[in-house]
Amino acid sequence: MAQRNSSNKKSKLTRTKRPRLGTPAVSDPIADMLTRIRNAAMAKHLEVNVPVSKMKTEIASILLREGYIRGFQLVDRGRQLRIRLKYDSRRQPAISGLKRVSRPGRRVYARHEELPRVLGGLGVAILSTSQGVVTAKDATHKGIGGELVGYIW
């Protein structure tokens, strides 16, 4: 009679991890940028890197022009946008809040007559218009409306 070998059990296959290539796909890149800035400001980081796009570069230039950040530059051969955050003398961030308004699942548009004021004019509403990415104040002066990207205060 043949003997059965009790070691005929299947061996467990181990899975090898593949190295990650680049950044993972994000369903809302603008919300991702605003979240990275918010988290970096709460953690008191001096700068934060985000994947670059034209829209994000325009938003960063508005943040710089309005005095919410110290500066930004392209790094990693133009694939990352490095944003330098701004703090006051007591190490409090210049940006106290960020909110994404229009999302991929729910777009929000506003005409130039009905553009919102953020915190009674202390904050900034950012719009994407046919003439580029602008603040609500600039859109009102130009007489144009557009998609409400978000609020910064």
C-alpha atoms as a PDB file:
ATOM      1  CA  MET A   1       0.000   0.000   0.000  1.00  0.00           C
ATOM      2  CA  ALA A   2       1.242   3.470  -0.823  1.00  0.00           C
ATOM      3  CA  GLN A   3       1.735   5.873   1.997  1.00  0.00           C
ATOM      4  CA  ARG A   4       0.258   9.254   1.886  1.00  0.00           C
ATOM      5  CA  ASN A   5       2.598  12.113   2.416  1.00  0.00           C
ATOM      6  CA  SER A   6       1.122  14.517   4.893  1.00  0.00           C
ATOM      7  CA  SER A   7       3.279  17.335   3.514  1.00  0.00           C
ATOM      8  CA  ASN A   8       1.227  17.643   0.318  1.00  0.00           C
ATOM      9  CA  LYS A   9      -0.504  20.732   1.665  1.00  0.00           C
ATOM     10  CA  LYS A  10      -0.538  23.718  -0.626  1.00  0.00           C
ATOM     11  CA  SER A  11       2.058  26.259   0.326  1.00  0.00           C
ATOM     12  CA  LYS A  12       0.850  29.793   0.871  1.00  0.00           C
ATOM     13  CA  LEU A  13       1.811  32.144  -1.881  1.00  0.00           C
ATOM     14  CA  THR A  14       3.359  35.336  -0.703  1.00  0.00           C
ATOM     15  CA  ARG A  15       2.580  38.462  -2.571  1.00  0.00           C
ATOM     16  CA  THR A  16       5.419  40.821  -3.383  1.00  0.00           C
ATOM     17  CA  LYS A  17       4.726  44.508  -3.157  1.00  0.00           C
ATOM     18  CA  ARG A  18       5.227  46.560  -6.252  1.00  0.00           C
ATOM     19  CA  PRO A  19       6.778  49.981  -5.875  1.00  0.00           C
ATOM     20  CA  ARG A  20       4.295  52.810  -6.318  1.00  0.00           C
ATOM     21  CA  LEU A  21       4.758  54.894  -9.407  1.00  0.00           C
ATOM     22  CA  GLY A  22       3.904  58.577  -8.983  1.00  0.00           C
ATOM     23  CA  THR A  23       0.910  59.747  -7.013  1.00  0.00           C
ATOM     24  CA  PRO A  24      -2.345  57.810  -6.831  1.00  0.00           C
ATOM     25  CA  ALA A  25      -5.280  58.905  -8.988  1.00  0.00           C
ATOM     26  CA  VAL A  26      -7.445  61.514  -7.284  1.00  0.00           C
ATOM     27  CA  SER A  27     -11.086  62.096  -8.210  1.00  0.00           C
ATOM     28  CA  ASP A  28     -10.974  65.818  -7.264  1.00  0.00           C
ATOM     29  CA  PRO A  29      -7.478  67.313  -7.685  1.00  0.00           C
ATOM     30  CA  ILE A  30      -8.497  70.805  -6.495  1.00  0.00           C
ATOM     31  CA  ALA A  31      -9.997  69.458  -3.264  1.00  0.00           C
ATOM     32  CA  ASP A  32      -6.807  67.421  -2.814  1.00  0.00           C
ATOM     33  CA  MET A  33      -4.712  70.601  -3.173  1.00  0.00           C
ATOM     34  CA  LEU A  34      -6.847  72.529  -0.677  1.00  0.00           C
ATOM     35  CA  THR A  35      -6.726  69.607   1.782  1.00  0.00           C
ATOM     36  CA  ARG A  36      -2.938  69.381   1.513  1.00  0.00           C
ATOM     37  CA  ILE A  37      -2.624  73.127   2.197  1.00  0.00           C
ATOM     38  CA  ARG A  38      -5.056  72.905   5.139  1.00  0.00           C
ATOM     39  CA  ASN A  39      -3.226  69.926   6.667  1.00  0.00           C
ATOM     40  CA  ALA A  40       0.207  71.504   6.191  1.00  0.00           C
ATOM     41  CA  ALA A  41      -0.960  74.748   7.810  1.00  0.00           C
ATOM     42  CA  MET A  42      -2.426  72.880  10.798  1.00  0.00           C
ATOM     43  CA  ALA A  43       0.841  70.924  11.162  1.00  0.00           C
ATOM     44  CA  LYS A  44       2.845  74.193  10.885  1.00  0.00           C
ATOM     45  CA  HIS A  45       4.823  73.036   7.846  1.00  0.00           C
ATOM     46  CA  LEU A  46       6.746  75.721   5.967  1.00  0.00           C
ATOM     47  CA  GLU A  47       5.884  74.322   2.541  1.00  0.00           C
ATOM     48  CA  VAL A  48       3.745  71.705   0.840  1.00  0.00           C
ATOM     49  CA  ASN A  49       4.068  69.927  -2.520  1.00  0.00           C
ATOM     50  CA  VAL A  50       1.097  69.206  -4.774  1.00  0.00           C
ATOM     51  CA  PRO A  51       0.969  67.694  -8.278  1.00  0.00           C
ATOM     52  CA  VAL A  52       0.953  70.525 -10.796  1.00  0.00           C
ATOM     53  CA  SER A  53      -1.805  71.624 -13.186  1.00  0.00           C
ATOM     54  CA  LYS A  54      -2.704  74.926 -14.812  1.00  0.00           C
ATOM     55  CA  MET A  55      -5.714  75.383 -12.531  1.00  0.00           C
ATOM     56  CA  LYS A  56      -3.658  74.732  -9.375  1.00  0.00           C
ATOM     57  CA  THR A  57      -0.985  77.180 -10.540  1.00  0.00           C
ATOM     58  CA  GLU A  58      -3.662  79.843 -11.081  1.00  0.00           C
ATOM     59  CA  ILE A  59      -5.140  79.195  -7.629  1.00  0.00           C
ATOM     60  CA  ALA A  60      -1.666  79.456  -6.088  1.00  0.00           C
ATOM     61  CA  SER A  61      -1.084  82.792  -7.849  1.00  0.00           C
ATOM     62  CA  ILE A  62      -4.380  84.101  -6.434  1.00  0.00           C
ATOM     63  CA  LEU A  63      -3.366  82.935  -2.940  1.00  0.00           C
ATOM     64  CA  LEU A  64      -0.043  84.765  -3.371  1.00  0.00           C
ATOM     65  CA  ARG A  65      -1.669  87.942  -4.695  1.00  0.00           C
ATOM     66  CA  GLU A  66      -4.182  87.969  -1.816  1.00  0.00           C
ATOM     67  CA  GLY A  67      -1.416  87.455   0.775  1.00  0.00           C
ATOM     68  CA  TYR A  68      -2.296  83.947   1.986  1.00  0.00           C
ATOM     69  CA  ILE A  69       1.011  82.297   0.978  1.00  0.00           C
ATOM     70  CA  ARG A  70       4.645  83.437   0.756  1.00  0.00           C
ATOM     71  CA  GLY A  71       5.258  82.009  -2.695  1.00  0.00           C
ATOM     72  CA  PHE A  72       5.206  78.992  -4.978  1.00  0.00           C
ATOM     73  CA  GLN A  73       7.476  77.368  -7.526  1.00  0.00           C
ATOM     74  CA  LEU A  74       7.627  74.395  -9.857  1.00  0.00           C
ATOM     75  CA  VAL A  75       9.899  71.555  -8.683  1.00  0.00           C
ATOM     76  CA  ASP A  76      10.660  67.960  -9.690  1.00  0.00           C
ATOM     77  CA  ARG A  77      11.095  68.859 -13.374  1.00  0.00           C
ATOM     78  CA  GLY A  78       7.801  70.747 -13.448  1.00  0.00           C
ATOM     79  CA  ARG A  79       5.674  67.929 -12.041  1.00  0.00           C
ATOM     80  CA  GLN A  80       5.160  69.332  -8.527  1.00  0.00           C
ATOM     81  CA  LEU A  81       4.042  72.726  -7.274  1.00  0.00           C
ATOM     82  CA  ARG A  82       5.804  73.701  -4.035  1.00  0.00           C
ATOM     83  CA  ILE A  83       3.731  76.185  -2.028  1.00  0.00           C
ATOM     84  CA  ARG A  84       5.433  78.114   0.779  1.00  0.00           C
ATOM     85  CA  LEU A  85       2.948  78.815   3.550  1.00  0.00           C
ATOM     86  CA  LYS A  86       2.724  82.110   5.414  1.00  0.00           C
ATOM     87  CA  TYR A  87       2.561  82.518   9.199  1.00  0.00           C
ATOM     88  CA  ASP A  88       2.316  85.528  11.508  1.00  0.00           C
ATOM     89  CA  SER A  89       4.713  86.375  14.343  1.00  0.00           C
ATOM     90  CA  ARG A  90       2.846  84.044  16.752  1.00  0.00           C
ATOM     91  CA  ARG A  91       3.209  81.158  14.259  1.00  0.00           C
ATOM     92  CA  GLN A  92      -0.484  81.231  13.300  1.00  0.00           C
ATOM     93  CA  PRO A  93      -1.190  80.406   9.618  1.00  0.00           C
ATOM     94  CA  ALA A  94      -2.409  83.182   7.327  1.00  0.00           C
ATOM     95  CA  ILE A  95      -4.971  80.695   5.985  1.00  0.00           C
ATOM     96  CA  SER A  96      -7.493  79.922   8.704  1.00  0.00           C
ATOM     97  CA  GLY A  97      -9.909  78.049   6.458  1.00  0.00           C
ATOM     98  CA  LEU A  98     -10.375  76.555   2.996  1.00  0.00           C
ATOM     99  CA  LYS A  99     -13.550  75.129   1.498  1.00  0.00           C
ATOM    100  CA  ARG A 100     -14.143  73.439  -1.842  1.00  0.00           C
ATOM    101  CA  VAL A 101     -17.532  74.520  -3.217  1.00  0.00           C
ATOM    102  CA  SER A 102     -18.003  73.107  -6.709  1.00  0.00           C
ATOM    103  CA  ARG A 103     -17.199  69.392  -6.886  1.00  0.00           C
ATOM    104  CA  PRO A 104     -17.092  66.892  -9.751  1.00  0.00           C
ATOM    105  CA  GLY A 105     -20.435  65.436  -8.596  1.00  0.00           C
ATOM    106  CA  ARG A 106     -22.100  68.792  -7.968  1.00  0.00           C
ATOM    107  CA  ARG A 107     -21.014  71.827  -9.942  1.00  0.00           C
ATOM    108  CA  VAL A 108     -21.926  75.232  -8.516  1.00  0.00           C
ATOM    109  CA  TYR A 109     -22.175  78.289 -10.779  1.00  0.00           C
ATOM    110  CA  ALA A 110     -22.876  81.929  -9.962  1.00  0.00           C
ATOM    111  CA  ARG A 111     -23.712  84.971 -12.064  1.00  0.00           C
ATOM    112  CA  HIS A 112     -21.776  88.165 -11.439  1.00  0.00           C
ATOM    113  CA  GLU A 113     -24.784  89.695  -9.610  1.00  0.00           C
ATOM    114  CA  GLU A 114     -24.933  86.838  -7.110  1.00  0.00           C
ATOM    115  CA  LEU A 115     -21.253  86.225  -6.314  1.00  0.00           C
ATOM    116  CA  PRO A 116     -20.770  85.443  -2.603  1.00  0.00           C
ATOM    117  CA  ARG A 117     -18.813  87.453  -0.057  1.00  0.00           C
ATOM    118  CA  VAL A 118     -16.689  85.262   2.213  1.00  0.00           C
ATOM    119  CA  LEU A 119     -16.770  86.293   5.901  1.00  0.00           C
ATOM    120  CA  GLY A 120     -18.215  89.680   5.050  1.00  0.00           C
ATOM    121  CA  GLY A 121     -15.378  90.493   2.650  1.00  0.00           C
ATOM    122  CA  LEU A 122     -12.505  89.197   4.812  1.00  0.00           C
ATOM    123  CA  GLY A 123     -12.129  86.029   2.744  1.00  0.00           C
ATOM    124  CA  VAL A 124     -11.807  85.297  -0.953  1.00  0.00           C
ATOM    125  CA  ALA A 125     -14.063  83.342  -3.300  1.00  0.00           C
ATOM    126  CA  ILE A 126     -12.246  81.797  -6.272  1.00  0.00           C
ATOM    127  CA  LEU A 127     -14.046  81.348  -9.592  1.00  0.00           C
ATOM    128  CA  SER A 128     -13.209  79.600 -12.827  1.00  0.00           C
ATOM    129  CA  THR A 129     -14.510  81.801 -15.632  1.00  0.00           C
ATOM    130  CA  SER A 130     -14.230  82.044 -19.390  1.00  0.00           C
ATOM    131  CA  GLN A 131     -11.467  84.605 -18.772  1.00  0.00           C
ATOM    132  CA  GLY A 132      -9.457  82.375 -16.432  1.00  0.00           C
ATOM    133  CA  VAL A 133      -9.364  81.737 -12.702  1.00  0.00           C
ATOM    134  CA  VAL A 134     -10.183  84.941 -10.782  1.00  0.00           C
ATOM    135  CA  THR A 135     -11.441  86.135  -7.409  1.00  0.00           C
ATOM    136  CA  ALA A 136     -15.114  87.040  -6.938  1.00  0.00           C
ATOM    137  CA  LYS A 137     -14.102  90.701  -6.570  1.00  0.00           C
ATOM    138  CA  ASP A 138     -12.329  90.667  -9.961  1.00  0.00           C
ATOM    139  CA  ALA A 139     -15.256  88.833 -11.568  1.00  0.00           C
ATOM    140  CA  THR A 140     -17.684  91.444 -10.232  1.00  0.00           C
ATOM    141  CA  HIS A 141     -15.561  94.277 -11.683  1.00  0.00           C
ATOM    142  CA  LYS A 142     -15.383  92.472 -15.047  1.00  0.00           C
ATOM    143  CA  GLY A 143     -19.110  91.663 -14.960  1.00  0.00           C
ATOM    144  CA  ILE A 144     -18.635  87.914 -15.428  1.00  0.00           C
ATOM    145  CA  GLY A 145     -19.773  84.850 -13.534  1.00  0.00           C
ATOM    146  CA  GLY A 146     -18.466  81.330 -13.470  1.00  0.00           C
ATOM    147  CA  GLU A 147     -17.941  78.131 -11.506  1.00  0.00           C
ATOM    148  CA  LEU A 148     -17.312  78.626  -7.790  1.00  0.00           C
ATOM    149  CA  VAL A 149     -14.097  76.724  -7.112  1.00  0.00           C
ATOM    150  CA  GLY A 150     -13.783  77.434  -3.395  1.00  0.00           C
ATOM    151  CA  TYR A 151     -13.516  79.832  -0.465  1.00  0.00           C
ATOM    152  CA  ILE A 152     -10.380  80.886   1.413  1.00  0.00           C
ATOM    153  CA  TRP A 153     -10.397  82.859   4.647  1.00  0.00           C
END
